[in-house]
Amino acid sequence: MKDHRGEHRKKLASKNHESIKTWFDKNPDGMMKDCCKDLGLSHVTVGKYVKVIKEKAGN
């Protein structure tokens, strides 16, 4: 039987990833600190997803 512990974290991570990607698409010259401020996310969270987005863009 599969328990669903952690599903809420996966949903939140997906939402954060999409929000950050959308923000940087609209603000290509934007800085991480501005993204943090606009979205209300921590610098660590934004940095994590910026790294993932850059890695996907490089492939």
C-alpha atoms as a PDB file:
ATOM      1  CA  MET A   1       0.000   0.000   0.000  1.00  0.00           C
ATOM      2  CA  LYS A   2       1.348   3.387  -0.980  1.00  0.00           C
ATOM      3  CA  ASP A   3       1.199   6.130   1.581  1.00  0.00           C
ATOM      4  CA  HIS A   4       0.957   9.680   0.320  1.00  0.00           C
ATOM      5  CA  ARG A   5       3.354  11.309   2.715  1.00  0.00           C
ATOM      6  CA  GLY A   6       5.233  14.049   0.936  1.00  0.00           C
ATOM      7  CA  GLU A   7       2.682  14.604  -1.813  1.00  0.00           C
ATOM      8  CA  HIS A   8       2.015  18.122  -0.541  1.00  0.00           C
ATOM      9  CA  ARG A   9       5.728  18.891  -0.806  1.00  0.00           C
ATOM     10  CA  LYS A  10       5.825  17.674  -4.385  1.00  0.00           C
ATOM     11  CA  LYS A  11       2.869  19.893  -5.267  1.00  0.00           C
ATOM     12  CA  LEU A  12       4.458  22.893  -3.556  1.00  0.00           C
ATOM     13  CA  ALA A  13       7.795  22.246  -5.295  1.00  0.00           C
ATOM     14  CA  SER A  14       6.087  22.039  -8.667  1.00  0.00           C
ATOM     15  CA  LYS A  15       4.178  25.256  -7.997  1.00  0.00           C
ATOM     16  CA  ASN A  16       7.351  27.072  -6.901  1.00  0.00           C
ATOM     17  CA  HIS A  17       9.264  25.830  -9.935  1.00  0.00           C
ATOM     18  CA  GLU A  18       6.593  27.049 -12.340  1.00  0.00           C
ATOM     19  CA  SER A  19       6.241  30.397 -10.554  1.00  0.00           C
ATOM     20  CA  ILE A  20       9.973  31.043 -10.681  1.00  0.00           C
ATOM     21  CA  LYS A  21      10.261  29.950 -14.306  1.00  0.00           C
ATOM     22  CA  THR A  22       7.349  32.212 -15.279  1.00  0.00           C
ATOM     23  CA  TRP A  23       8.830  35.132 -13.357  1.00  0.00           C
ATOM     24  CA  PHE A  24      12.189  34.801 -15.131  1.00  0.00           C
ATOM     25  CA  ASP A  25      10.464  34.398 -18.508  1.00  0.00           C
ATOM     26  CA  LYS A  26       8.709  37.727 -17.926  1.00  0.00           C
ATOM     27  CA  ASN A  27      11.836  39.353 -16.426  1.00  0.00           C
ATOM     28  CA  PRO A  28      14.811  37.962 -18.394  1.00  0.00           C
ATOM     29  CA  ASP A  29      17.210  40.541 -16.931  1.00  0.00           C
ATOM     30  CA  GLY A  30      15.746  40.217 -13.441  1.00  0.00           C
ATOM     31  CA  MET A  31      17.806  39.389 -10.394  1.00  0.00           C
ATOM     32  CA  MET A  32      17.179  36.615  -7.904  1.00  0.00           C
ATOM     33  CA  LYS A  33      16.602  39.084  -5.077  1.00  0.00           C
ATOM     34  CA  ASP A  34      13.808  40.733  -7.077  1.00  0.00           C
ATOM     35  CA  CYS A  35      12.250  37.339  -7.774  1.00  0.00           C
ATOM     36  CA  CYS A  36      12.403  36.495  -4.055  1.00  0.00           C
ATOM     37  CA  LYS A  37      10.744  39.765  -3.159  1.00  0.00           C
ATOM     38  CA  ASP A  38       8.019  39.545  -5.810  1.00  0.00           C
ATOM     39  CA  LEU A  39       7.115  35.920  -5.146  1.00  0.00           C
ATOM     40  CA  GLY A  40       7.660  35.939  -1.386  1.00  0.00           C
ATOM     41  CA  LEU A  41      10.103  33.037  -1.520  1.00  0.00           C
ATOM     42  CA  SER A  42      13.451  32.592   0.180  1.00  0.00           C
ATOM     43  CA  HIS A  43      16.757  33.113  -1.581  1.00  0.00           C
ATOM     44  CA  VAL A  44      17.588  29.429  -1.044  1.00  0.00           C
ATOM     45  CA  THR A  45      14.368  28.273  -2.713  1.00  0.00           C
ATOM     46  CA  VAL A  46      14.758  30.568  -5.711  1.00  0.00           C
ATOM     47  CA  GLY A  47      18.429  29.629  -6.082  1.00  0.00           C
ATOM     48  CA  LYS A  48      17.596  25.930  -6.083  1.00  0.00           C
ATOM     49  CA  TYR A  49      15.070  26.272  -8.871  1.00  0.00           C
ATOM     50  CA  VAL A  50      17.162  28.736 -10.894  1.00  0.00           C
ATOM     51  CA  LYS A  51      19.918  26.111 -10.907  1.00  0.00           C
ATOM     52  CA  VAL A  52      17.460  23.452 -12.135  1.00  0.00           C
ATOM     53  CA  ILE A  53      16.056  25.769 -14.819  1.00  0.00           C
ATOM     54  CA  LYS A  54      19.567  26.636 -16.077  1.00  0.00           C
ATOM     55  CA  GLU A  55      20.535  22.947 -16.199  1.00  0.00           C
ATOM     56  CA  LYS A  56      17.453  22.111 -18.267  1.00  0.00           C
ATOM     57  CA  ALA A  57      18.136  25.034 -20.616  1.00  0.00           C
ATOM     58  CA  GLY A  58      21.723  23.839 -21.116  1.00  0.00           C
ATOM     59  CA  ASN A  59      20.644  20.374 -22.279  1.00  0.00           C
END
